[in-house]
Amino acid sequence: MFSLAPRLSFSARPVRAAALTVAFLLSLTLAACSQEDRLTMHTAKGDFAFNLEIVDTPSGRAKGLMFRQELAPDAGMLFDFKEQRPVSFWMQNTLIPLDMVFIDAKGVVKSVHVNARPLDTTAIPSGAPVQFVLEIAGGRSVEIGLKAGDTMVHPRVSTLK
């Protein structure tokens, strides 16, 4: 049999190696993002993971979860004030009930406000200096048994004692 097609000498090995390298680098990038976008709350009932939106700018904190129609049970918004201080929240323009978890720089829960009322402009204070506030679906903190003294694990939590 005779063929007019030219013979090509081609090795797939370099292409495969490049594809594997790209896949590896992409997985490292995604892993770094996913660590920041998840936290775990340790309670007497067990460990509970939440998918996060992180807010650490004044404009982001001002907007928060305003105008949202729903929040999944495993979702939340983590406000990082980047220093410990007393903080206060309200529910203006927030359409769903939320639990507010006030957490210090070491990841220790200082207080929990359960079922903040939608659209209420009454101030909800932290009661102690905190660095973080975790907002989760209203009533979720009761479901998981979250209370003062429980701990949060997240890359932003200081490991210094």
N, C-alpha and C. Protein backbone atom coordinates (compact mmCIF):
# COMPACT_ATOMS: atom_id res chain seq x y z
N MET A 1 0.84 -1.15 0.00
CA MET A 1 0.00 0.00 0.00
C MET A 1 0.89 1.22 0.00
N PHE A 2 0.47 2.18 -0.76
CA PHE A 2 1.26 3.38 -0.95
C PHE A 2 0.44 4.58 -0.50
N SER A 3 1.03 5.52 0.26
CA SER A 3 0.31 6.71 0.73
C SER A 3 1.08 7.94 0.33
N LEU A 4 0.35 8.94 -0.11
CA LEU A 4 0.97 10.22 -0.46
C LEU A 4 1.09 11.14 0.75
N ALA A 5 0.45 10.79 1.86
CA ALA A 5 0.51 11.64 3.05
C ALA A 5 1.92 11.62 3.62
N PRO A 6 2.41 12.78 3.99
CA PRO A 6 3.77 12.83 4.55
C PRO A 6 3.78 12.19 5.93
N ARG A 7 4.89 11.61 6.25
CA ARG A 7 5.06 11.01 7.57
C ARG A 7 5.48 12.12 8.54
N LEU A 8 4.74 12.17 9.64
CA LEU A 8 5.06 13.17 10.65
C LEU A 8 5.66 12.46 11.86
N SER A 9 6.67 13.05 12.35
CA SER A 9 7.24 12.53 13.58
C SER A 9 6.77 13.44 14.70
N PHE A 10 5.95 12.91 15.61
CA PHE A 10 5.33 13.73 16.63
C PHE A 10 5.35 12.97 17.95
N SER A 11 5.77 13.65 18.98
CA SER A 11 5.75 13.04 20.30
C SER A 11 4.75 13.80 21.17
N ALA A 12 3.84 13.07 21.76
CA ALA A 12 2.82 13.69 22.60
C ALA A 12 3.35 14.00 24.00
N ARG A 13 4.52 13.49 24.31
CA ARG A 13 5.06 13.67 25.65
C ARG A 13 5.21 15.14 26.06
N PRO A 14 5.78 16.04 25.27
CA PRO A 14 5.90 17.45 25.70
C PRO A 14 4.52 18.12 25.86
N VAL A 15 3.58 17.78 25.02
CA VAL A 15 2.24 18.37 25.12
C VAL A 15 1.57 17.91 26.41
N ARG A 16 1.67 16.63 26.71
CA ARG A 16 1.10 16.10 27.95
C ARG A 16 1.75 16.74 29.17
N ALA A 17 3.04 16.92 29.15
CA ALA A 17 3.75 17.53 30.28
C ALA A 17 3.30 18.97 30.48
N ALA A 18 3.13 19.71 29.40
CA ALA A 18 2.67 21.09 29.50
C ALA A 18 1.24 21.14 30.05
N ALA A 19 0.39 20.25 29.58
CA ALA A 19 -1.00 20.21 30.05
C ALA A 19 -1.04 19.89 31.54
N LEU A 20 -0.22 18.95 31.98
CA LEU A 20 -0.18 18.60 33.40
C LEU A 20 0.32 19.76 34.24
N THR A 21 1.31 20.49 33.74
CA THR A 21 1.84 21.64 34.46
C THR A 21 0.76 22.72 34.61
N VAL A 22 0.04 23.00 33.54
CA VAL A 22 -1.03 24.00 33.60
C VAL A 22 -2.12 23.55 34.57
N ALA A 23 -2.50 22.29 34.53
CA ALA A 23 -3.52 21.76 35.44
C ALA A 23 -3.07 21.87 36.89
N PHE A 24 -1.81 21.57 37.15
CA PHE A 24 -1.28 21.67 38.50
C PHE A 24 -1.31 23.10 39.01
N LEU A 25 -0.85 24.04 38.20
CA LEU A 25 -0.85 25.45 38.61
C LEU A 25 -2.27 25.96 38.84
N LEU A 26 -3.20 25.56 38.00
CA LEU A 26 -4.60 25.95 38.17
C LEU A 26 -5.16 25.39 39.47
N SER A 27 -4.82 24.15 39.79
CA SER A 27 -5.32 23.56 41.04
C SER A 27 -4.77 24.28 42.26
N LEU A 28 -3.52 24.74 42.21
CA LEU A 28 -2.96 25.50 43.33
C LEU A 28 -3.70 26.82 43.50
N THR A 29 -4.02 27.49 42.41
CA THR A 29 -4.76 28.75 42.46
C THR A 29 -6.14 28.53 43.04
N LEU A 30 -6.84 27.50 42.58
CA LEU A 30 -8.17 27.21 43.09
C LEU A 30 -8.13 26.80 44.56
N ALA A 31 -7.12 26.06 44.96
CA ALA A 31 -7.00 25.65 46.36
C ALA A 31 -6.79 26.86 47.25
N ALA A 32 -5.97 27.81 46.81
CA ALA A 32 -5.74 29.02 47.60
C ALA A 32 -7.04 29.81 47.76
N CYS A 33 -7.81 29.91 46.69
CA CYS A 33 -9.09 30.62 46.76
C CYS A 33 -10.06 29.89 47.67
N SER A 34 -10.13 28.59 47.55
CA SER A 34 -11.11 27.85 48.31
C SER A 34 -10.81 27.89 49.81
N GLN A 35 -9.54 27.97 50.21
CA GLN A 35 -9.22 28.08 51.63
C GLN A 35 -9.76 29.37 52.21
N GLU A 36 -9.68 30.44 51.50
CA GLU A 36 -10.14 31.74 51.96
C GLU A 36 -11.66 31.81 51.92
N ASP A 37 -12.29 31.05 51.05
CA ASP A 37 -13.74 31.13 50.85
C ASP A 37 -14.52 30.12 51.69
N ARG A 38 -13.85 29.47 52.65
CA ARG A 38 -14.54 28.51 53.53
C ARG A 38 -14.05 28.69 54.96
N LEU A 39 -14.92 28.45 55.89
CA LEU A 39 -14.52 28.43 57.29
C LEU A 39 -15.24 27.28 57.98
N THR A 40 -14.72 26.91 59.12
CA THR A 40 -15.34 25.86 59.93
C THR A 40 -15.62 26.42 61.31
N MET A 41 -16.83 26.17 61.80
CA MET A 41 -17.20 26.52 63.16
C MET A 41 -17.18 25.24 63.98
N HIS A 42 -16.43 25.25 65.09
CA HIS A 42 -16.37 24.11 66.00
C HIS A 42 -17.37 24.37 67.13
N THR A 43 -18.38 23.48 67.25
CA THR A 43 -19.37 23.61 68.31
C THR A 43 -19.45 22.28 69.06
N ALA A 44 -20.23 22.26 70.15
CA ALA A 44 -20.42 21.02 70.91
C ALA A 44 -21.13 19.96 70.07
N LYS A 45 -21.89 20.39 69.04
CA LYS A 45 -22.59 19.45 68.17
C LYS A 45 -21.71 18.92 67.04
N GLY A 46 -20.54 19.52 66.83
CA GLY A 46 -19.65 19.07 65.77
C GLY A 46 -19.05 20.24 65.01
N ASP A 47 -18.46 19.93 63.87
CA ASP A 47 -17.83 20.93 63.00
C ASP A 47 -18.76 21.22 61.83
N PHE A 48 -18.94 22.51 61.54
CA PHE A 48 -19.85 22.92 60.48
C PHE A 48 -19.12 23.88 59.55
N ALA A 49 -19.09 23.53 58.25
CA ALA A 49 -18.39 24.33 57.25
C ALA A 49 -19.36 25.29 56.57
N PHE A 50 -18.85 26.47 56.25
CA PHE A 50 -19.62 27.48 55.54
C PHE A 50 -18.83 27.99 54.34
N ASN A 51 -19.54 28.18 53.23
CA ASN A 51 -18.97 28.84 52.06
C ASN A 51 -19.15 30.33 52.28
N LEU A 52 -18.10 31.09 51.99
CA LEU A 52 -18.07 32.50 52.37
C LEU A 52 -17.98 33.48 51.23
N GLU A 53 -18.50 34.64 51.52
CA GLU A 53 -18.12 35.87 50.83
C GLU A 53 -17.37 36.64 51.90
N ILE A 54 -16.22 37.18 51.56
CA ILE A 54 -15.44 37.94 52.53
C ILE A 54 -15.54 39.42 52.21
N VAL A 55 -15.78 40.19 53.26
CA VAL A 55 -15.91 41.64 53.12
C VAL A 55 -14.89 42.27 54.07
N ASP A 56 -13.96 43.06 53.50
CA ASP A 56 -12.96 43.69 54.35
C ASP A 56 -12.67 45.14 53.95
N THR A 57 -13.64 45.75 53.26
CA THR A 57 -13.51 47.16 52.91
C THR A 57 -14.70 47.93 53.48
N PRO A 58 -14.55 49.22 53.73
CA PRO A 58 -15.69 49.99 54.26
C PRO A 58 -16.92 49.94 53.35
N SER A 59 -16.74 50.04 52.04
CA SER A 59 -17.89 50.00 51.14
C SER A 59 -18.55 48.63 51.13
N GLY A 60 -17.75 47.58 51.19
CA GLY A 60 -18.30 46.23 51.25
C GLY A 60 -19.06 46.00 52.55
N ARG A 61 -18.51 46.49 53.66
CA ARG A 61 -19.19 46.35 54.95
C ARG A 61 -20.50 47.12 54.95
N ALA A 62 -20.53 48.28 54.31
CA ALA A 62 -21.75 49.08 54.28
C ALA A 62 -22.87 48.35 53.53
N LYS A 63 -22.53 47.61 52.50
CA LYS A 63 -23.54 46.90 51.71
C LYS A 63 -23.92 45.56 52.33
N GLY A 64 -22.94 44.79 52.76
CA GLY A 64 -23.20 43.50 53.40
C GLY A 64 -24.15 42.62 52.60
N LEU A 65 -25.15 42.09 53.25
CA LEU A 65 -26.13 41.20 52.62
C LEU A 65 -27.43 41.92 52.27
N MET A 66 -27.36 43.23 52.14
CA MET A 66 -28.55 44.01 51.78
C MET A 66 -29.15 43.52 50.47
N PHE A 67 -30.46 43.53 50.41
CA PHE A 67 -31.26 43.24 49.21
C PHE A 67 -31.20 41.78 48.77
N ARG A 68 -30.54 40.89 49.53
CA ARG A 68 -30.53 39.48 49.17
C ARG A 68 -31.90 38.87 49.49
N GLN A 69 -32.34 37.97 48.64
CA GLN A 69 -33.63 37.30 48.83
C GLN A 69 -33.50 36.00 49.61
N GLU A 70 -32.29 35.42 49.63
CA GLU A 70 -32.08 34.14 50.32
C GLU A 70 -30.61 33.96 50.65
N LEU A 71 -30.36 33.03 51.55
CA LEU A 71 -29.00 32.66 51.93
C LEU A 71 -29.03 31.18 52.28
N ALA A 72 -28.22 30.40 51.60
CA ALA A 72 -28.19 28.94 51.81
C ALA A 72 -27.74 28.63 53.24
N PRO A 73 -28.15 27.49 53.78
CA PRO A 73 -27.78 27.12 55.15
C PRO A 73 -26.27 26.97 55.36
N ASP A 74 -25.53 26.68 54.30
CA ASP A 74 -24.08 26.52 54.43
C ASP A 74 -23.33 27.72 53.86
N ALA A 75 -24.00 28.85 53.75
CA ALA A 75 -23.37 30.06 53.21
C ALA A 75 -23.31 31.14 54.28
N GLY A 76 -22.42 32.08 54.08
CA GLY A 76 -22.33 33.19 55.01
C GLY A 76 -21.45 34.29 54.46
N MET A 77 -21.46 35.40 55.18
CA MET A 77 -20.59 36.52 54.84
C MET A 77 -19.72 36.81 56.05
N LEU A 78 -18.40 36.83 55.84
CA LEU A 78 -17.45 37.10 56.90
C LEU A 78 -16.93 38.53 56.74
N PHE A 79 -17.21 39.35 57.74
CA PHE A 79 -16.71 40.72 57.78
C PHE A 79 -15.42 40.71 58.57
N ASP A 80 -14.35 41.20 57.97
CA ASP A 80 -13.04 41.27 58.63
C ASP A 80 -12.70 42.74 58.82
N PHE A 81 -12.63 43.18 60.08
CA PHE A 81 -12.31 44.57 60.39
C PHE A 81 -10.81 44.80 60.50
N LYS A 82 -10.02 43.73 60.39
CA LYS A 82 -8.55 43.76 60.37
C LYS A 82 -7.93 44.24 61.68
N GLU A 83 -8.75 44.47 62.69
CA GLU A 83 -8.29 44.80 64.04
C GLU A 83 -9.45 44.55 64.99
N GLN A 84 -9.13 44.35 66.25
CA GLN A 84 -10.20 44.14 67.23
C GLN A 84 -10.75 45.48 67.68
N ARG A 85 -12.09 45.54 67.73
CA ARG A 85 -12.76 46.74 68.21
C ARG A 85 -14.24 46.43 68.41
N PRO A 86 -14.93 47.21 69.22
CA PRO A 86 -16.37 47.03 69.32
C PRO A 86 -17.02 47.41 67.99
N VAL A 87 -17.98 46.63 67.55
CA VAL A 87 -18.69 46.92 66.31
C VAL A 87 -20.19 46.82 66.56
N SER A 88 -20.95 47.37 65.65
CA SER A 88 -22.40 47.33 65.74
C SER A 88 -22.96 47.17 64.34
N PHE A 89 -23.99 46.34 64.20
CA PHE A 89 -24.62 46.09 62.90
C PHE A 89 -26.10 46.44 63.00
N TRP A 90 -26.72 46.61 61.84
CA TRP A 90 -28.17 46.75 61.77
C TRP A 90 -28.65 46.05 60.52
N MET A 91 -29.97 46.01 60.34
CA MET A 91 -30.56 45.22 59.26
C MET A 91 -31.24 46.08 58.20
N GLN A 92 -30.88 47.37 58.12
CA GLN A 92 -31.48 48.24 57.12
C GLN A 92 -31.28 47.65 55.73
N ASN A 93 -32.34 47.57 54.97
CA ASN A 93 -32.34 47.04 53.60
C ASN A 93 -31.94 45.56 53.51
N THR A 94 -31.94 44.86 54.63
CA THR A 94 -31.66 43.43 54.63
C THR A 94 -33.01 42.71 54.71
N LEU A 95 -33.28 41.89 53.72
CA LEU A 95 -34.61 41.32 53.52
C LEU A 95 -34.82 39.96 54.17
N ILE A 96 -33.76 39.34 54.67
CA ILE A 96 -33.86 38.01 55.26
C ILE A 96 -33.35 38.04 56.70
N PRO A 97 -33.88 37.19 57.57
CA PRO A 97 -33.35 37.14 58.94
C PRO A 97 -31.94 36.56 58.93
N LEU A 98 -31.11 37.09 59.81
CA LEU A 98 -29.71 36.65 59.88
C LEU A 98 -29.31 36.41 61.32
N ASP A 99 -28.39 35.47 61.51
CA ASP A 99 -27.69 35.32 62.78
C ASP A 99 -26.35 36.04 62.62
N MET A 100 -25.99 36.81 63.62
CA MET A 100 -24.70 37.52 63.61
C MET A 100 -23.82 36.92 64.68
N VAL A 101 -22.66 36.45 64.25
CA VAL A 101 -21.71 35.79 65.15
C VAL A 101 -20.51 36.72 65.29
N PHE A 102 -20.27 37.21 66.49
CA PHE A 102 -19.18 38.15 66.75
C PHE A 102 -17.98 37.36 67.27
N ILE A 103 -16.83 37.49 66.56
CA ILE A 103 -15.67 36.61 66.77
C ILE A 103 -14.40 37.45 66.94
N ASP A 104 -13.58 37.09 67.92
CA ASP A 104 -12.34 37.85 68.14
C ASP A 104 -11.24 37.41 67.17
N ALA A 105 -10.08 38.06 67.26
CA ALA A 105 -8.97 37.82 66.33
C ALA A 105 -8.41 36.40 66.41
N LYS A 106 -8.62 35.71 67.55
CA LYS A 106 -8.13 34.34 67.71
C LYS A 106 -9.17 33.31 67.28
N GLY A 107 -10.33 33.79 66.80
CA GLY A 107 -11.35 32.88 66.31
C GLY A 107 -12.34 32.42 67.36
N VAL A 108 -12.34 33.06 68.53
CA VAL A 108 -13.26 32.68 69.61
C VAL A 108 -14.55 33.50 69.49
N VAL A 109 -15.67 32.80 69.50
CA VAL A 109 -16.98 33.46 69.43
C VAL A 109 -17.21 34.20 70.74
N LYS A 110 -17.48 35.50 70.65
CA LYS A 110 -17.74 36.33 71.82
C LYS A 110 -19.23 36.44 72.12
N SER A 111 -20.05 36.51 71.05
CA SER A 111 -21.50 36.57 71.24
C SER A 111 -22.18 36.19 69.93
N VAL A 112 -23.45 35.80 70.06
CA VAL A 112 -24.26 35.43 68.91
C VAL A 112 -25.60 36.13 69.03
N HIS A 113 -25.99 36.84 67.99
CA HIS A 113 -27.32 37.44 67.93
C HIS A 113 -28.14 36.62 66.95
N VAL A 114 -29.19 35.96 67.46
CA VAL A 114 -29.99 35.04 66.66
C VAL A 114 -31.18 35.77 66.04
N ASN A 115 -31.41 35.49 64.76
CA ASN A 115 -32.59 35.98 64.03
C ASN A 115 -32.78 37.49 64.08
N ALA A 116 -31.77 38.21 63.64
CA ALA A 116 -31.94 39.66 63.50
C ALA A 116 -33.08 39.91 62.52
N ARG A 117 -33.96 40.82 62.88
CA ARG A 117 -35.18 41.07 62.10
C ARG A 117 -34.88 41.85 60.81
N PRO A 118 -35.41 41.36 59.70
CA PRO A 118 -35.24 42.08 58.42
C PRO A 118 -35.74 43.53 58.54
N LEU A 119 -34.99 44.43 57.90
CA LEU A 119 -35.33 45.85 57.76
C LEU A 119 -35.28 46.64 59.07
N ASP A 120 -34.87 46.03 60.18
CA ASP A 120 -34.81 46.71 61.47
C ASP A 120 -33.55 47.56 61.56
N THR A 121 -33.70 48.80 61.98
CA THR A 121 -32.54 49.70 62.08
C THR A 121 -31.99 49.78 63.50
N THR A 122 -32.48 48.92 64.40
CA THR A 122 -31.95 48.89 65.76
C THR A 122 -30.53 48.34 65.73
N ALA A 123 -29.62 49.03 66.44
CA ALA A 123 -28.22 48.60 66.48
C ALA A 123 -28.08 47.28 67.21
N ILE A 124 -27.22 46.41 66.67
CA ILE A 124 -26.90 45.12 67.29
C ILE A 124 -25.40 45.17 67.61
N PRO A 125 -25.04 45.44 68.87
CA PRO A 125 -23.62 45.58 69.22
C PRO A 125 -22.94 44.24 69.46
N SER A 126 -21.63 44.24 69.28
CA SER A 126 -20.84 43.03 69.49
C SER A 126 -20.73 42.66 70.96
N GLY A 127 -20.81 43.63 71.85
CA GLY A 127 -20.70 43.36 73.28
C GLY A 127 -19.27 43.22 73.77
N ALA A 128 -18.32 43.12 72.86
CA ALA A 128 -16.89 42.99 73.18
C ALA A 128 -16.11 43.36 71.93
N PRO A 129 -14.84 43.69 72.08
CA PRO A 129 -14.04 43.93 70.87
C PRO A 129 -13.93 42.65 70.04
N VAL A 130 -14.15 42.76 68.75
CA VAL A 130 -14.06 41.64 67.83
C VAL A 130 -13.33 42.08 66.56
N GLN A 131 -12.84 41.11 65.82
CA GLN A 131 -12.25 41.39 64.51
C GLN A 131 -13.18 40.94 63.40
N PHE A 132 -13.99 39.91 63.67
CA PHE A 132 -14.83 39.32 62.64
C PHE A 132 -16.30 39.32 63.05
N VAL A 133 -17.15 39.41 62.04
CA VAL A 133 -18.58 39.14 62.22
C VAL A 133 -18.97 38.20 61.10
N LEU A 134 -19.56 37.07 61.48
CA LEU A 134 -20.06 36.10 60.51
C LEU A 134 -21.56 36.21 60.48
N GLU A 135 -22.11 36.51 59.31
CA GLU A 135 -23.56 36.52 59.13
C GLU A 135 -23.95 35.23 58.41
N ILE A 136 -24.90 34.51 59.03
CA ILE A 136 -25.42 33.27 58.45
C ILE A 136 -26.94 33.32 58.49
N ALA A 137 -27.57 32.37 57.84
CA ALA A 137 -29.03 32.33 57.77
C ALA A 137 -29.64 32.34 59.17
N GLY A 138 -30.72 33.09 59.32
CA GLY A 138 -31.39 33.20 60.60
C GLY A 138 -31.78 31.85 61.18
N GLY A 139 -31.41 31.61 62.43
CA GLY A 139 -31.71 30.36 63.11
C GLY A 139 -30.66 29.28 62.94
N ARG A 140 -29.74 29.47 62.02
CA ARG A 140 -28.73 28.44 61.75
C ARG A 140 -27.81 28.23 62.95
N SER A 141 -27.49 29.30 63.68
CA SER A 141 -26.60 29.15 64.84
C SER A 141 -27.23 28.24 65.90
N VAL A 142 -28.55 28.31 66.06
CA VAL A 142 -29.25 27.44 67.01
C VAL A 142 -29.18 25.99 66.51
N GLU A 143 -29.39 25.79 65.21
CA GLU A 143 -29.35 24.43 64.63
C GLU A 143 -28.02 23.74 64.87
N ILE A 144 -26.93 24.49 64.79
CA ILE A 144 -25.61 23.88 64.95
C ILE A 144 -25.08 23.98 66.38
N GLY A 145 -25.86 24.59 67.26
CA GLY A 145 -25.46 24.69 68.67
C GLY A 145 -24.36 25.71 68.91
N LEU A 146 -24.26 26.73 68.09
CA LEU A 146 -23.20 27.74 68.19
C LEU A 146 -23.45 28.66 69.38
N LYS A 147 -22.41 28.86 70.18
CA LYS A 147 -22.54 29.74 71.34
C LYS A 147 -21.18 30.39 71.65
N ALA A 148 -21.21 31.37 72.55
CA ALA A 148 -19.97 32.03 72.98
C ALA A 148 -19.00 30.99 73.49
N GLY A 149 -17.73 31.15 73.11
CA GLY A 149 -16.68 30.21 73.49
C GLY A 149 -16.34 29.21 72.41
N ASP A 150 -17.27 28.99 71.46
CA ASP A 150 -16.96 28.12 70.32
C ASP A 150 -15.91 28.80 69.45
N THR A 151 -15.35 28.06 68.49
CA THR A 151 -14.25 28.62 67.70
C THR A 151 -14.47 28.51 66.20
N MET A 152 -13.84 29.45 65.50
CA MET A 152 -13.86 29.51 64.05
C MET A 152 -12.46 29.20 63.54
N VAL A 153 -12.38 28.38 62.49
CA VAL A 153 -11.10 28.09 61.85
C VAL A 153 -11.16 28.69 60.45
N HIS A 154 -10.22 29.58 60.17
CA HIS A 154 -10.13 30.27 58.88
C HIS A 154 -8.72 30.83 58.74
N PRO A 155 -8.19 30.93 57.51
CA PRO A 155 -6.83 31.43 57.33
C PRO A 155 -6.60 32.84 57.88
N ARG A 156 -7.63 33.64 58.02
CA ARG A 156 -7.45 35.01 58.54
C ARG A 156 -7.35 35.06 60.06
N VAL A 157 -7.65 33.98 60.73
CA VAL A 157 -7.59 33.96 62.19
C VAL A 157 -6.14 33.93 62.63
N SER A 158 -5.80 34.78 63.58
CA SER A 158 -4.44 34.84 64.09
C SER A 158 -4.11 33.59 64.88
N THR A 159 -2.95 33.02 64.61
CA THR A 159 -2.51 31.84 65.37
C THR A 159 -1.53 32.26 66.49
N LEU A 160 -1.25 33.55 66.59
CA LEU A 160 -0.37 34.05 67.63
C LEU A 160 -1.13 34.11 68.95
N LYS A 161 -0.46 33.77 70.02
CA LYS A 161 -1.13 33.79 71.34
C LYS A 161 -0.69 34.98 72.13
